Amino acid sequence: MTSSMERSVRNTRFAIADLQKRIAILEATRDDLNRQMTKLVASVPEDEIEAGAERDGYVAYGSYAKSVIERKVNLRKTLSDIEGQTSNLAEELRMALSALDSFERVRARQMAAKAEKALRRA
């Protein structure tokens, strides 16, 4: 295999490993945010509330609930962004895997051609 092809294979494998790590980080972040969202929903199940709302056991529940509701809105937006990023990285990963597969097929053809030449010489 030529050195430029070897370099391309190495670079592609590095890119694949990097994309896999980035996807894993996004998935871990998504899981963590989903856990946070579950806790927030358990704490304040409403999606809208009056500022003066009251609830047993809470001082200024309305203000607390409004801040939790705002946090839930922000988490939903972040989760949506993460899904988009994960989708983009997954597409990049598919392309990199396809490129690596192409390099492997070229390498297999080159090795087969060398073997055939060696058989002809023998």
PDB file of N, CA and C in Angstrom:
ATOM      1  N   MET A   1       0.858  -1.177   0.000  1.00  0.00           N
ATOM      2  CA  MET A   1       0.000   0.000   0.000  1.00  0.00           C
ATOM      3  C   MET A   1       0.896   1.229   0.000  1.00  0.00           C
ATOM      4  N   THR A   2       0.498   2.234  -0.712  1.00  0.00           N
ATOM      5  CA  THR A   2       1.297   3.452  -0.784  1.00  0.00           C
ATOM      6  C   THR A   2       1.236   4.205   0.534  1.00  0.00           C
ATOM      7  N   SER A   3       2.276   5.012   0.745  1.00  0.00           N
ATOM      8  CA  SER A   3       2.330   5.758   2.007  1.00  0.00           C
ATOM      9  C   SER A   3       1.190   6.771   2.104  1.00  0.00           C
ATOM     10  N   SER A   4       0.770   7.331   0.980  1.00  0.00           N
ATOM     11  CA  SER A   4      -0.344   8.288   1.036  1.00  0.00           C
ATOM     12  C   SER A   4      -1.640   7.571   1.412  1.00  0.00           C
ATOM     13  N   MET A   5      -1.810   6.353   0.934  1.00  0.00           N
ATOM     14  CA  MET A   5      -3.006   5.597   1.303  1.00  0.00           C
ATOM     15  C   MET A   5      -2.934   5.196   2.777  1.00  0.00           C
ATOM     16  N   GLU A   6      -1.754   4.802   3.234  1.00  0.00           N
ATOM     17  CA  GLU A   6      -1.586   4.452   4.652  1.00  0.00           C
ATOM     18  C   GLU A   6      -1.926   5.657   5.527  1.00  0.00           C
ATOM     19  N   ARG A   7      -1.465   6.815   5.112  1.00  0.00           N
ATOM     20  CA  ARG A   7      -1.755   8.042   5.843  1.00  0.00           C
ATOM     21  C   ARG A   7      -3.258   8.308   5.857  1.00  0.00           C
ATOM     22  N   SER A   8      -3.890   8.115   4.712  1.00  0.00           N
ATOM     23  CA  SER A   8      -5.338   8.335   4.625  1.00  0.00           C
ATOM     24  C   SER A   8      -6.094   7.358   5.528  1.00  0.00           C
ATOM     25  N   VAL A   9      -5.655   6.112   5.557  1.00  0.00           N
ATOM     26  CA  VAL A   9      -6.295   5.114   6.420  1.00  0.00           C
ATOM     27  C   VAL A   9      -6.119   5.506   7.881  1.00  0.00           C
ATOM     28  N   ARG A  10      -4.901   5.890   8.259  1.00  0.00           N
ATOM     29  CA  ARG A  10      -4.642   6.317   9.649  1.00  0.00           C
ATOM     30  C   ARG A  10      -5.498   7.516  10.025  1.00  0.00           C
ATOM     31  N   ASN A  11      -5.544   8.505   9.129  1.00  0.00           N
ATOM     32  CA  ASN A  11      -6.348   9.698   9.389  1.00  0.00           C
ATOM     33  C   ASN A  11      -7.836   9.363   9.500  1.00  0.00           C
ATOM     34  N   THR A  12      -8.299   8.473   8.651  1.00  0.00           N
ATOM     35  CA  THR A  12      -9.706   8.078   8.687  1.00  0.00           C
ATOM     36  C   THR A  12     -10.018   7.323   9.975  1.00  0.00           C
ATOM     37  N   ARG A  13      -9.127   6.424  10.376  1.00  0.00           N
ATOM     38  CA  ARG A  13      -9.337   5.695  11.644  1.00  0.00           C
ATOM     39  C   ARG A  13      -9.328   6.649  12.829  1.00  0.00           C
ATOM     40  N   PHE A  14      -8.435   7.632  12.797  1.00  0.00           N
ATOM     41  CA  PHE A  14      -8.400   8.634  13.867  1.00  0.00           C
ATOM     42  C   PHE A  14      -9.706   9.415  13.888  1.00  0.00           C
ATOM     43  N   ALA A  15     -10.190   9.819  12.711  1.00  0.00           N
ATOM     44  CA  ALA A  15     -11.448  10.570  12.629  1.00  0.00           C
ATOM     45  C   ALA A  15     -12.614   9.734  13.154  1.00  0.00           C
ATOM     46  N   ILE A  16     -12.626   8.452  12.828  1.00  0.00           N
ATOM     47  CA  ILE A  16     -13.692   7.561  13.306  1.00  0.00           C
ATOM     48  C   ILE A  16     -13.663   7.477  14.824  1.00  0.00           C
ATOM     49  N   ALA A  17     -12.475   7.278  15.393  1.00  0.00           N
ATOM     50  CA  ALA A  17     -12.360   7.199  16.858  1.00  0.00           C
ATOM     51  C   ALA A  17     -12.808   8.504  17.507  1.00  0.00           C
ATOM     52  N   ASP A  18     -12.419   9.627  16.919  1.00  0.00           N
ATOM     53  CA  ASP A  18     -12.806  10.924  17.465  1.00  0.00           C
ATOM     54  C   ASP A  18     -14.323  11.119  17.397  1.00  0.00           C
ATOM     55  N   LEU A  19     -14.919  10.775  16.273  1.00  0.00           N
ATOM     56  CA  LEU A  19     -16.374  10.913  16.135  1.00  0.00           C
ATOM     57  C   LEU A  19     -17.105  10.014  17.123  1.00  0.00           C
ATOM     58  N   GLN A  20     -16.606   8.804  17.312  1.00  0.00           N
ATOM     59  CA  GLN A  20     -17.236   7.891  18.272  1.00  0.00           C
ATOM     60  C   GLN A  20     -17.159   8.452  19.689  1.00  0.00           C
ATOM     61  N   LYS A  21     -16.022   9.048  20.046  1.00  0.00           N
ATOM     62  CA  LYS A  21     -15.882   9.655  21.376  1.00  0.00           C
ATOM     63  C   LYS A  21     -16.848  10.826  21.532  1.00  0.00           C
ATOM     64  N   ARG A  22     -16.937  11.655  20.506  1.00  0.00           N
ATOM     65  CA  ARG A  22     -17.814  12.829  20.577  1.00  0.00           C
ATOM     66  C   ARG A  22     -19.275  12.408  20.693  1.00  0.00           C
ATOM     67  N   ILE A  23     -19.671  11.377  19.957  1.00  0.00           N
ATOM     68  CA  ILE A  23     -21.044  10.875  20.043  1.00  0.00           C
ATOM     69  C   ILE A  23     -21.307  10.312  21.437  1.00  0.00           C
ATOM     70  N   ALA A  24     -20.337   9.585  21.983  1.00  0.00           N
ATOM     71  CA  ALA A  24     -20.496   9.024  23.334  1.00  0.00           C
ATOM     72  C   ALA A  24     -20.662  10.130  24.374  1.00  0.00           C
ATOM     73  N   ILE A  25     -19.901  11.209  24.231  1.00  0.00           N
ATOM     74  CA  ILE A  25     -20.022  12.340  25.163  1.00  0.00           C
ATOM     75  C   ILE A  25     -21.404  12.973  25.044  1.00  0.00           C
ATOM     76  N   LEU A  26     -21.871  13.170  23.823  1.00  0.00           N
ATOM     77  CA  LEU A  26     -23.205  13.748  23.628  1.00  0.00           C
ATOM     78  C   LEU A  26     -24.288  12.841  24.212  1.00  0.00           C
ATOM     79  N   GLU A  27     -24.145  11.528  24.023  1.00  0.00           N
ATOM     80  CA  GLU A  27     -25.132  10.595  24.565  1.00  0.00           C
ATOM     81  C   GLU A  27     -25.120  10.611  26.091  1.00  0.00           C
ATOM     82  N   ALA A  28     -23.935  10.680  26.695  1.00  0.00           N
ATOM     83  CA  ALA A  28     -23.838  10.750  28.155  1.00  0.00           C
ATOM     84  C   ALA A  28     -24.452  12.052  28.671  1.00  0.00           C
ATOM     85  N   THR A  29     -24.201  13.135  27.952  1.00  0.00           N
ATOM     86  CA  THR A  29     -24.773  14.424  28.330  1.00  0.00           C
ATOM     87  C   THR A  29     -26.290  14.380  28.217  1.00  0.00           C
ATOM     88  N   ARG A  30     -26.780  13.799  27.136  1.00  0.00           N
ATOM     89  CA  ARG A  30     -28.224  13.662  26.947  1.00  0.00           C
ATOM     90  C   ARG A  30     -28.852  12.855  28.085  1.00  0.00           C
ATOM     91  N   ASP A  31     -28.221  11.754  28.456  1.00  0.00           N
ATOM     92  CA  ASP A  31     -28.730  10.923  29.549  1.00  0.00           C
ATOM     93  C   ASP A  31     -28.766  11.709  30.862  1.00  0.00           C
ATOM     94  N   ASP A  32     -27.716  12.485  31.122  1.00  0.00           N
ATOM     95  CA  ASP A  32     -27.662  13.287  32.336  1.00  0.00           C
ATOM     96  C   ASP A  32     -28.765  14.353  32.333  1.00  0.00           C
ATOM     97  N   LEU A  33     -28.951  15.002  31.203  1.00  0.00           N
ATOM     98  CA  LEU A  33     -29.997  16.022  31.106  1.00  0.00           C
ATOM     99  C   LEU A  33     -31.392  15.410  31.254  1.00  0.00           C
ATOM    100  N   ASN A  34     -31.575  14.216  30.727  1.00  0.00           N
ATOM    101  CA  ASN A  34     -32.861  13.536  30.897  1.00  0.00           C
ATOM    102  C   ASN A  34     -33.114  13.209  32.366  1.00  0.00           C
ATOM    103  N   ARG A  35     -32.068  12.818  33.097  1.00  0.00           N
ATOM    104  CA  ARG A  35     -32.217  12.569  34.539  1.00  0.00           C
ATOM    105  C   ARG A  35     -32.591  13.871  35.253  1.00  0.00           C
ATOM    106  N   GLN A  36     -31.927  14.957  34.892  1.00  0.00           N
ATOM    107  CA  GLN A  36     -32.258  16.255  35.488  1.00  0.00           C
ATOM    108  C   GLN A  36     -33.706  16.634  35.188  1.00  0.00           C
ATOM    109  N   MET A  37     -34.130  16.406  33.953  1.00  0.00           N
ATOM    110  CA  MET A  37     -35.493  16.741  33.556  1.00  0.00           C
ATOM    111  C   MET A  37     -36.497  15.932  34.370  1.00  0.00           C
ATOM    112  N   THR A  38     -36.218  14.665  34.582  1.00  0.00           N
ATOM    113  CA  THR A  38     -37.105  13.813  35.378  1.00  0.00           C
ATOM    114  C   THR A  38     -37.262  14.364  36.793  1.00  0.00           C
ATOM    115  N   LYS A  39     -36.159  14.795  37.386  1.00  0.00           N
ATOM    116  CA  LYS A  39     -36.207  15.366  38.733  1.00  0.00           C
ATOM    117  C   LYS A  39     -37.013  16.663  38.748  1.00  0.00           C
ATOM    118  N   LEU A  40     -36.812  17.498  37.736  1.00  0.00           N
ATOM    119  CA  LEU A  40     -37.540  18.770  37.675  1.00  0.00           C
ATOM    120  C   LEU A  40     -39.035  18.545  37.482  1.00  0.00           C
ATOM    121  N   VAL A  41     -39.393  17.596  36.637  1.00  0.00           N
ATOM    122  CA  VAL A  41     -40.810  17.296  36.403  1.00  0.00           C
ATOM    123  C   VAL A  41     -41.446  16.761  37.680  1.00  0.00           C
ATOM    124  N   ALA A  42     -40.692  15.944  38.415  1.00  0.00           N
ATOM    125  CA  ALA A  42     -41.217  15.432  39.688  1.00  0.00           C
ATOM    126  C   ALA A  42     -41.416  16.568  40.684  1.00  0.00           C
ATOM    127  N   SER A  43     -40.537  17.530  40.659  1.00  0.00           N
ATOM    128  CA  SER A  43     -40.608  18.665  41.577  1.00  0.00           C
ATOM    129  C   SER A  43     -41.721  19.638  41.201  1.00  0.00           C
ATOM    130  N   VAL A  44     -41.816  19.946  39.901  1.00  0.00           N
ATOM    131  CA  VAL A  44     -42.828  20.887  39.397  1.00  0.00           C
ATOM    132  C   VAL A  44     -43.408  20.289  38.114  1.00  0.00           C
ATOM    133  N   PRO A  45     -44.524  19.568  38.239  1.00  0.00           N
ATOM    134  CA  PRO A  45     -45.086  18.928  37.045  1.00  0.00           C
ATOM    135  C   PRO A  45     -45.729  19.906  36.061  1.00  0.00           C
ATOM    136  N   GLU A  46     -46.081  21.102  36.522  1.00  0.00           N
ATOM    137  CA  GLU A  46     -46.746  22.075  35.654  1.00  0.00           C
ATOM    138  C   GLU A  46     -45.767  22.641  34.616  1.00  0.00           C
ATOM    139  N   ASP A  47     -46.339  23.077  33.493  1.00  0.00           N
ATOM    140  CA  ASP A  47     -45.548  23.785  32.480  1.00  0.00           C
ATOM    141  C   ASP A  47     -45.843  25.277  32.494  1.00  0.00           C
ATOM    142  N   GLU A  48     -46.885  25.669  33.226  1.00  0.00           N
ATOM    143  CA  GLU A  48     -47.218  27.081  33.422  1.00  0.00           C
ATOM    144  C   GLU A  48     -47.770  27.226  34.832  1.00  0.00           C
ATOM    145  N   ILE A  49     -47.510  28.372  35.447  1.00  0.00           N
ATOM    146  CA  ILE A  49     -47.990  28.598  36.811  1.00  0.00           C
ATOM    147  C   ILE A  49     -48.040  30.086  37.096  1.00  0.00           C
ATOM    148  N   GLU A  50     -48.928  30.457  37.940  1.00  0.00           N
ATOM    149  CA  GLU A  50     -49.031  31.850  38.385  1.00  0.00           C
ATOM    150  C   GLU A  50     -47.893  32.146  39.352  1.00  0.00           C
ATOM    151  N   ALA A  51     -47.387  33.345  39.315  1.00  0.00           N
ATOM    152  CA  ALA A  51     -46.289  33.728  40.209  1.00  0.00           C
ATOM    153  C   ALA A  51     -46.695  33.642  41.676  1.00  0.00           C
ATOM    154  N   GLY A  52     -47.945  33.843  41.973  1.00  0.00           N
ATOM    155  CA  GLY A  52     -48.395  33.813  43.362  1.00  0.00           C
ATOM    156  C   GLY A  52     -48.935  32.460  43.804  1.00  0.00           C
ATOM    157  N   ALA A  53     -48.749  31.427  42.995  1.00  0.00           N
ATOM    158  CA  ALA A  53     -49.266  30.102  43.345  1.00  0.00           C
ATOM    159  C   ALA A  53     -48.649  29.611  44.644  1.00  0.00           C
ATOM    160  N   GLU A  54     -49.440  28.813  45.366  1.00  0.00           N
ATOM    161  CA  GLU A  54     -48.969  28.269  46.642  1.00  0.00           C
ATOM    162  C   GLU A  54     -49.078  26.752  46.635  1.00  0.00           C
ATOM    163  N   ARG A  55     -48.230  26.145  47.455  1.00  0.00           N
ATOM    164  CA  ARG A  55     -48.248  24.696  47.590  1.00  0.00           C
ATOM    165  C   ARG A  55     -47.762  24.372  48.995  1.00  0.00           C
ATOM    166  N   ASP A  56     -48.395  23.409  49.627  1.00  0.00           N
ATOM    167  CA  ASP A  56     -48.000  23.042  50.990  1.00  0.00           C
ATOM    168  C   ASP A  56     -46.537  22.639  51.041  1.00  0.00           C
ATOM    169  N   GLY A  57     -45.857  23.145  52.046  1.00  0.00           N
ATOM    170  CA  GLY A  57     -44.455  22.801  52.245  1.00  0.00           C
ATOM    171  C   GLY A  57     -43.478  23.699  51.509  1.00  0.00           C
ATOM    172  N   TYR A  58     -43.962  24.650  50.742  1.00  0.00           N
ATOM    173  CA  TYR A  58     -43.095  25.543  49.977  1.00  0.00           C
ATOM    174  C   TYR A  58     -43.330  26.994  50.376  1.00  0.00           C
ATOM    175  N   VAL A  59     -42.258  27.727  50.477  1.00  0.00           N
ATOM    176  CA  VAL A  59     -42.349  29.173  50.647  1.00  0.00           C
ATOM    177  C   VAL A  59     -42.126  29.760  49.251  1.00  0.00           C
ATOM    178  N   ALA A  60     -43.014  30.609  48.813  1.00  0.00           N
ATOM    179  CA  ALA A  60     -42.905  31.241  47.487  1.00  0.00           C
ATOM    180  C   ALA A  60     -42.832  30.190  46.385  1.00  0.00           C
ATOM    181  N   TYR A  61     -43.770  29.224  46.417  1.00  0.00           N
ATOM    182  CA  TYR A  61     -43.783  28.155  45.421  1.00  0.00           C
ATOM    183  C   TYR A  61     -43.890  28.692  44.000  1.00  0.00           C
ATOM    184  N   GLY A  62     -44.689  29.724  43.796  1.00  0.00           N
ATOM    185  CA  GLY A  62     -44.865  30.273  42.448  1.00  0.00           C
ATOM    186  C   GLY A  62     -43.552  30.706  41.817  1.00  0.00           C
ATOM    187  N   SER A  63     -42.738  31.407  42.583  1.00  0.00           N
ATOM    188  CA  SER A  63     -41.436  31.855  42.068  1.00  0.00           C
ATOM    189  C   SER A  63     -40.517  30.668  41.796  1.00  0.00           C
ATOM    190  N   TYR A  64     -40.517  29.733  42.750  1.00  0.00           N
ATOM    191  CA  TYR A  64     -39.699  28.521  42.585  1.00  0.00           C
ATOM    192  C   TYR A  64     -40.151  27.761  41.337  1.00  0.00           C
ATOM    193  N   ALA A  65     -41.457  27.576  41.205  1.00  0.00           N
ATOM    194  CA  ALA A  65     -41.988  26.821  40.070  1.00  0.00           C
ATOM    195  C   ALA A  65     -41.662  27.513  38.750  1.00  0.00           C
ATOM    196  N   LYS A  66     -41.763  28.822  38.715  1.00  0.00           N
ATOM    197  CA  LYS A  66     -41.427  29.554  37.479  1.00  0.00           C
ATOM    198  C   LYS A  66     -39.975  29.312  37.075  1.00  0.00           C
ATOM    199  N   SER A  67     -39.073  29.327  38.060  1.00  0.00           N
ATOM    200  CA  SER A  67     -37.658  29.094  37.732  1.00  0.00           C
ATOM    201  C   SER A  67     -37.441  27.657  37.256  1.00  0.00           C
ATOM    202  N   VAL A  68     -38.143  26.708  37.860  1.00  0.00           N
ATOM    203  CA  VAL A  68     -38.018  25.305  37.430  1.00  0.00           C
ATOM    204  C   VAL A  68     -38.589  25.146  36.025  1.00  0.00           C
ATOM    205  N   ILE A  69     -39.705  25.777  35.765  1.00  0.00           N
ATOM    206  CA  ILE A  69     -40.314  25.698  34.428  1.00  0.00           C
ATOM    207  C   ILE A  69     -39.366  26.285  33.385  1.00  0.00           C
ATOM    208  N   GLU A  70     -38.738  27.395  33.707  1.00  0.00           N
ATOM    209  CA  GLU A  70     -37.760  28.001  32.787  1.00  0.00           C
ATOM    210  C   GLU A  70     -36.582  27.046  32.552  1.00  0.00           C
ATOM    211  N   ARG A  71     -36.143  26.395  33.604  1.00  0.00           N
ATOM    212  CA  ARG A  71     -35.040  25.423  33.484  1.00  0.00           C
ATOM    213  C   ARG A  71     -35.452  24.262  32.585  1.00  0.00           C
ATOM    214  N   LYS A  72     -36.689  23.798  32.724  1.00  0.00           N
ATOM    215  CA  LYS A  72     -37.169  22.706  31.874  1.00  0.00           C
ATOM    216  C   LYS A  72     -37.194  23.131  30.409  1.00  0.00           C
ATOM    217  N   VAL A  73     -37.621  24.358  30.152  1.00  0.00           N
ATOM    218  CA  VAL A  73     -37.631  24.879  28.775  1.00  0.00           C
ATOM    219  C   VAL A  73     -36.207  24.891  28.216  1.00  0.00           C
ATOM    220  N   ASN A  74     -35.258  25.365  29.024  1.00  0.00           N
ATOM    221  CA  ASN A  74     -33.862  25.412  28.584  1.00  0.00           C
ATOM    222  C   ASN A  74     -33.305  24.004  28.357  1.00  0.00           C
ATOM    223  N   LEU A  75     -33.654  23.069  29.228  1.00  0.00           N
ATOM    224  CA  LEU A  75     -33.183  21.689  29.048  1.00  0.00           C
ATOM    225  C   LEU A  75     -33.750  21.081  27.777  1.00  0.00           C
ATOM    226  N   ARG A  76     -35.021  21.347  27.496  1.00  0.00           N
ATOM    227  CA  ARG A  76     -35.619  20.813  26.261  1.00  0.00           C
ATOM    228  C   ARG A  76     -34.899  21.359  25.030  1.00  0.00           C
ATOM    229  N   LYS A  77     -34.563  22.637  25.058  1.00  0.00           N
ATOM    230  CA  LYS A  77     -33.836  23.244  23.927  1.00  0.00           C
ATOM    231  C   LYS A  77     -32.450  22.611  23.794  1.00  0.00           C
ATOM    232  N   THR A  78     -31.775  22.442  24.921  1.00  0.00           N
ATOM    233  CA  THR A  78     -30.447  21.832  24.898  1.00  0.00           C
ATOM    234  C   THR A  78     -30.525  20.392  24.395  1.00  0.00           C
ATOM    235  N   LEU A  79     -31.528  19.643  24.851  1.00  0.00           N
ATOM    236  CA  LEU A  79     -31.700  18.264  24.387  1.00  0.00           C
ATOM    237  C   LEU A  79     -31.955  18.222  22.877  1.00  0.00           C
ATOM    238  N   SER A  80     -32.724  19.169  22.384  1.00  0.00           N
ATOM    239  CA  SER A  80     -32.972  19.246  20.949  1.00  0.00           C
ATOM    240  C   SER A  80     -31.674  19.536  20.188  1.00  0.00           C
ATOM    241  N   ASP A  81     -30.871  20.457  20.716  1.00  0.00           N
ATOM    242  CA  ASP A  81     -29.576  20.772  20.100  1.00  0.00           C
ATOM    243  C   ASP A  81     -28.667  19.548  20.094  1.00  0.00           C
ATOM    244  N   ILE A  82     -28.669  18.815  21.198  1.00  0.00           N
ATOM    245  CA  ILE A  82     -27.834  17.617  21.299  1.00  0.00           C
ATOM    246  C   ILE A  82     -28.269  16.576  20.268  1.00  0.00           C
ATOM    247  N   GLU A  83     -29.569  16.423  20.093  1.00  0.00           N
ATOM    248  CA  GLU A  83     -30.063  15.470  19.089  1.00  0.00           C
ATOM    249  C   GLU A  83     -29.582  15.863  17.693  1.00  0.00           C
ATOM    250  N   GLY A  84     -29.629  17.153  17.399  1.00  0.00           N
ATOM    251  CA  GLY A  84     -29.152  17.627  16.094  1.00  0.00           C
ATOM    252  C   GLY A  84     -27.666  17.383  15.901  1.00  0.00           C
ATOM    253  N   GLN A  85     -26.885  17.682  16.939  1.00  0.00           N
ATOM    254  CA  GLN A  85     -25.439  17.456  16.862  1.00  0.00           C
ATOM    255  C   GLN A  85     -25.131  15.969  16.714  1.00  0.00           C
ATOM    256  N   THR A  86     -25.844  15.144  17.468  1.00  0.00           N
ATOM    257  CA  THR A  86     -25.622  13.696  17.390  1.00  0.00           C
ATOM    258  C   THR A  86     -25.946  13.185  15.993  1.00  0.00           C
ATOM    259  N   SER A  87     -27.022  13.689  15.425  1.00  0.00           N
ATOM    260  CA  SER A  87     -27.409  13.282  14.074  1.00  0.00           C
ATOM    261  C   SER A  87     -26.327  13.678  13.061  1.00  0.00           C
ATOM    262  N   ASN A  88     -25.817  14.899  13.180  1.00  0.00           N
ATOM    263  CA  ASN A  88     -24.758  15.359  12.268  1.00  0.00           C
ATOM    264  C   ASN A  88     -23.494  14.519  12.416  1.00  0.00           C
ATOM    265  N   LEU A  89     -23.110  14.241  13.663  1.00  0.00           N
ATOM    266  CA  LEU A  89     -21.906  13.435  13.890  1.00  0.00           C
ATOM    267  C   LEU A  89     -22.102  12.005  13.398  1.00  0.00           C
ATOM    268  N   ALA A  90     -23.311  11.475  13.558  1.00  0.00           N
ATOM    269  CA  ALA A  90     -23.591  10.119  13.075  1.00  0.00           C
ATOM    270  C   ALA A  90     -23.447  10.058  11.551  1.00  0.00           C
ATOM    271  N   GLU A  91     -23.878  11.098  10.872  1.00  0.00           N
ATOM    272  CA  GLU A  91     -23.717  11.146   9.410  1.00  0.00           C
ATOM    273  C   GLU A  91     -22.239  11.222   9.034  1.00  0.00           C
ATOM    274  N   GLU A  92     -21.479  12.047   9.748  1.00  0.00           N
ATOM    275  CA  GLU A  92     -20.032  12.122   9.501  1.00  0.00           C
ATOM    276  C   GLU A  92     -19.372  10.770   9.749  1.00  0.00           C
ATOM    277  N   LEU A  93     -19.814  10.078  10.790  1.00  0.00           N
ATOM    278  CA  LEU A  93     -19.265   8.762  11.114  1.00  0.00           C
ATOM    279  C   LEU A  93     -19.579   7.762  10.010  1.00  0.00           C
ATOM    280  N   ARG A  94     -20.806   7.794   9.502  1.00  0.00           N
ATOM    281  CA  ARG A  94     -21.160   6.893   8.394  1.00  0.00           C
ATOM    282  C   ARG A  94     -20.266   7.144   7.175  1.00  0.00           C
ATOM    283  N   MET A  95     -20.013   8.423   6.877  1.00  0.00           N
ATOM    284  CA  MET A  95     -19.158   8.752   5.727  1.00  0.00           C
ATOM    285  C   MET A  95     -17.727   8.275   5.969  1.00  0.00           C
ATOM    286  N   ALA A  96     -17.219   8.460   7.188  1.00  0.00           N
ATOM    287  CA  ALA A  96     -15.853   8.034   7.501  1.00  0.00           C
ATOM    288  C   ALA A  96     -15.737   6.513   7.431  1.00  0.00           C
ATOM    289  N   LEU A  97     -16.743   5.810   7.933  1.00  0.00           N
ATOM    290  CA  LEU A  97     -16.722   4.347   7.860  1.00  0.00           C
ATOM    291  C   LEU A  97     -16.784   3.871   6.412  1.00  0.00           C
ATOM    292  N   SER A  98     -17.554   4.570   5.612  1.00  0.00           N
ATOM    293  CA  SER A  98     -17.631   4.230   4.190  1.00  0.00           C
ATOM    294  C   SER A  98     -16.282   4.462   3.504  1.00  0.00           C
ATOM    295  N   ALA A  99     -15.620   5.568   3.855  1.00  0.00           N
ATOM    296  CA  ALA A  99     -14.299   5.849   3.281  1.00  0.00           C
ATOM    297  C   ALA A  99     -13.298   4.787   3.697  1.00  0.00           C
ATOM    298  N   LEU A 100     -13.334   4.399   4.974  1.00  0.00           N
ATOM    299  CA  LEU A 100     -12.423   3.357   5.452  1.00  0.00           C
ATOM    300  C   LEU A 100     -12.691   2.049   4.720  1.00  0.00           C
ATOM    301  N   ASP A 101     -13.962   1.736   4.515  1.00  0.00           N
ATOM    302  CA  ASP A 101     -14.323   0.520   3.782  1.00  0.00           C
ATOM    303  C   ASP A 101     -13.755   0.578   2.362  1.00  0.00           C
ATOM    304  N   SER A 102     -13.822   1.742   1.736  1.00  0.00           N
ATOM    305  CA  SER A 102     -13.274   1.893   0.385  1.00  0.00           C
ATOM    306  C   SER A 102     -11.769   1.671   0.377  1.00  0.00           C
ATOM    307  N   PHE A 103     -11.076   2.244   1.378  1.00  0.00           N
ATOM    308  CA  PHE A 103      -9.629   2.033   1.485  1.00  0.00           C
ATOM    309  C   PHE A 103      -9.313   0.553   1.662  1.00  0.00           C
ATOM    310  N   GLU A 104     -10.104  -0.123   2.481  1.00  0.00           N
ATOM    311  CA  GLU A 104      -9.870  -1.552   2.728  1.00  0.00           C
ATOM    312  C   GLU A 104     -10.083  -2.361   1.447  1.00  0.00           C
ATOM    313  N   ARG A 105     -11.091  -2.006   0.660  1.00  0.00           N
ATOM    314  CA  ARG A 105     -11.315  -2.716  -0.600  1.00  0.00           C
ATOM    315  C   ARG A 105     -10.173  -2.482  -1.579  1.00  0.00           C
ATOM    316  N   VAL A 106      -9.669  -1.242  -1.624  1.00  0.00           N
ATOM    317  CA  VAL A 106      -8.536  -0.930  -2.507  1.00  0.00           C
ATOM    318  C   VAL A 106      -7.323  -1.741  -2.062  1.00  0.00           C
ATOM    319  N   ARG A 107      -7.089  -1.777  -0.756  1.00  0.00           N
ATOM    320  CA  ARG A 107      -5.956  -2.539  -0.223  1.00  0.00           C
ATOM    321  C   ARG A 107      -6.089  -4.022  -0.584  1.00  0.00           C
ATOM    322  N   ALA A 108      -7.287  -4.565  -0.456  1.00  0.00           N
ATOM    323  CA  ALA A 108      -7.508  -5.976  -0.790  1.00  0.00           C
ATOM    324  C   ALA A 108      -7.229  -6.228  -2.272  1.00  0.00           C
ATOM    325  N   ARG A 109      -7.666  -5.303  -3.138  1.00  0.00           N
ATOM    326  CA  ARG A 109      -7.393  -5.459  -4.571  1.00  0.00           C
ATOM    327  C   ARG A 109      -5.902  -5.404  -4.857  1.00  0.00           C
ATOM    328  N   GLN A 110      -5.192  -4.474  -4.188  1.00  0.00           N
ATOM    329  CA  GLN A 110      -3.749  -4.357  -4.386  1.00  0.00           C
ATOM    330  C   GLN A 110      -3.036  -5.635  -3.940  1.00  0.00           C
ATOM    331  N   MET A 111      -3.444  -6.163  -2.811  1.00  0.00           N
ATOM    332  CA  MET A 111      -2.812  -7.391  -2.313  1.00  0.00           C
ATOM    333  C   MET A 111      -3.107  -8.563  -3.244  1.00  0.00           C
ATOM    334  N   ALA A 112      -4.336  -8.631  -3.768  1.00  0.00           N
ATOM    335  CA  ALA A 112      -4.692  -9.696  -4.704  1.00  0.00           C
ATOM    336  C   ALA A 112      -3.864  -9.572  -5.979  1.00  0.00           C
ATOM    337  N   ALA A 113      -3.652  -8.361  -6.453  1.00  0.00           N
ATOM    338  CA  ALA A 113      -2.858  -8.143  -7.664  1.00  0.00           C
ATOM    339  C   ALA A 113      -1.407  -8.557  -7.433  1.00  0.00           C
ATOM    340  N   LYS A 114      -0.861  -8.237  -6.255  1.00  0.00           N
ATOM    341  CA  LYS A 114       0.516  -8.640  -5.933  1.00  0.00           C
ATOM    342  C   LYS A 114       0.634 -10.152  -5.864  1.00  0.00           C
ATOM    343  N   ALA A 115      -0.355 -10.792  -5.256  1.00  0.00           N
ATOM    344  CA  ALA A 115      -0.339 -12.249  -5.148  1.00  0.00           C
ATOM    345  C   ALA A 115      -0.408 -12.881  -6.532  1.00  0.00           C
ATOM    346  N   GLU A 116      -1.241 -12.316  -7.402  1.00  0.00           N
ATOM    347  CA  GLU A 116      -1.369 -12.837  -8.745  1.00  0.00           C
ATOM    348  C   GLU A 116      -0.059 -12.689  -9.517  1.00  0.00           C
ATOM    349  N   LYS A 117       0.613 -11.548  -9.364  1.00  0.00           N
ATOM    350  CA  LYS A 117       1.915 -11.333 -10.031  1.00  0.00           C
ATOM    351  C   LYS A 117       2.930 -12.341  -9.515  1.00  0.00           C
ATOM    352  N   ALA A 118       2.911 -12.576  -8.195  1.00  0.00           N
ATOM    353  CA  ALA A 118       3.853 -13.533  -7.621  1.00  0.00           C
ATOM    354  C   ALA A 118       3.603 -14.937  -8.153  1.00  0.00           C
ATOM    355  N   LEU A 119       2.351 -15.299  -8.346  1.00  0.00           N
ATOM    356  CA  LEU A 119       2.025 -16.618  -8.907  1.00  0.00           C
ATOM    357  C   LEU A 119       2.472 -16.732 -10.354  1.00  0.00           C
ATOM    358  N   ARG A 120       2.343 -15.668 -11.106  1.00  0.00           N
ATOM    359  CA  ARG A 120       2.774 -15.695 -12.511  1.00  0.00           C
ATOM    360  C   ARG A 120       4.292 -15.875 -12.616  1.00  0.00           C
ATOM    361  N   ARG A 121       4.995 -15.211 -11.680  1.00  0.00           N
ATOM    362  CA  ARG A 121       6.466 -15.322 -11.694  1.00  0.00           C
ATOM    363  C   ARG A 121       6.923 -16.732 -11.312  1.00  0.00           C
ATOM    364  N   ALA A 122       6.156 -17.370 -10.468  1.00  0.00           N
ATOM    365  CA  ALA A 122       6.572 -18.689  -9.969  1.00  0.00           C
ATOM    366  C   ALA A 122       6.337 -19.783 -10.945  1.00  0.00           C
TER     367      ALA A 122
END
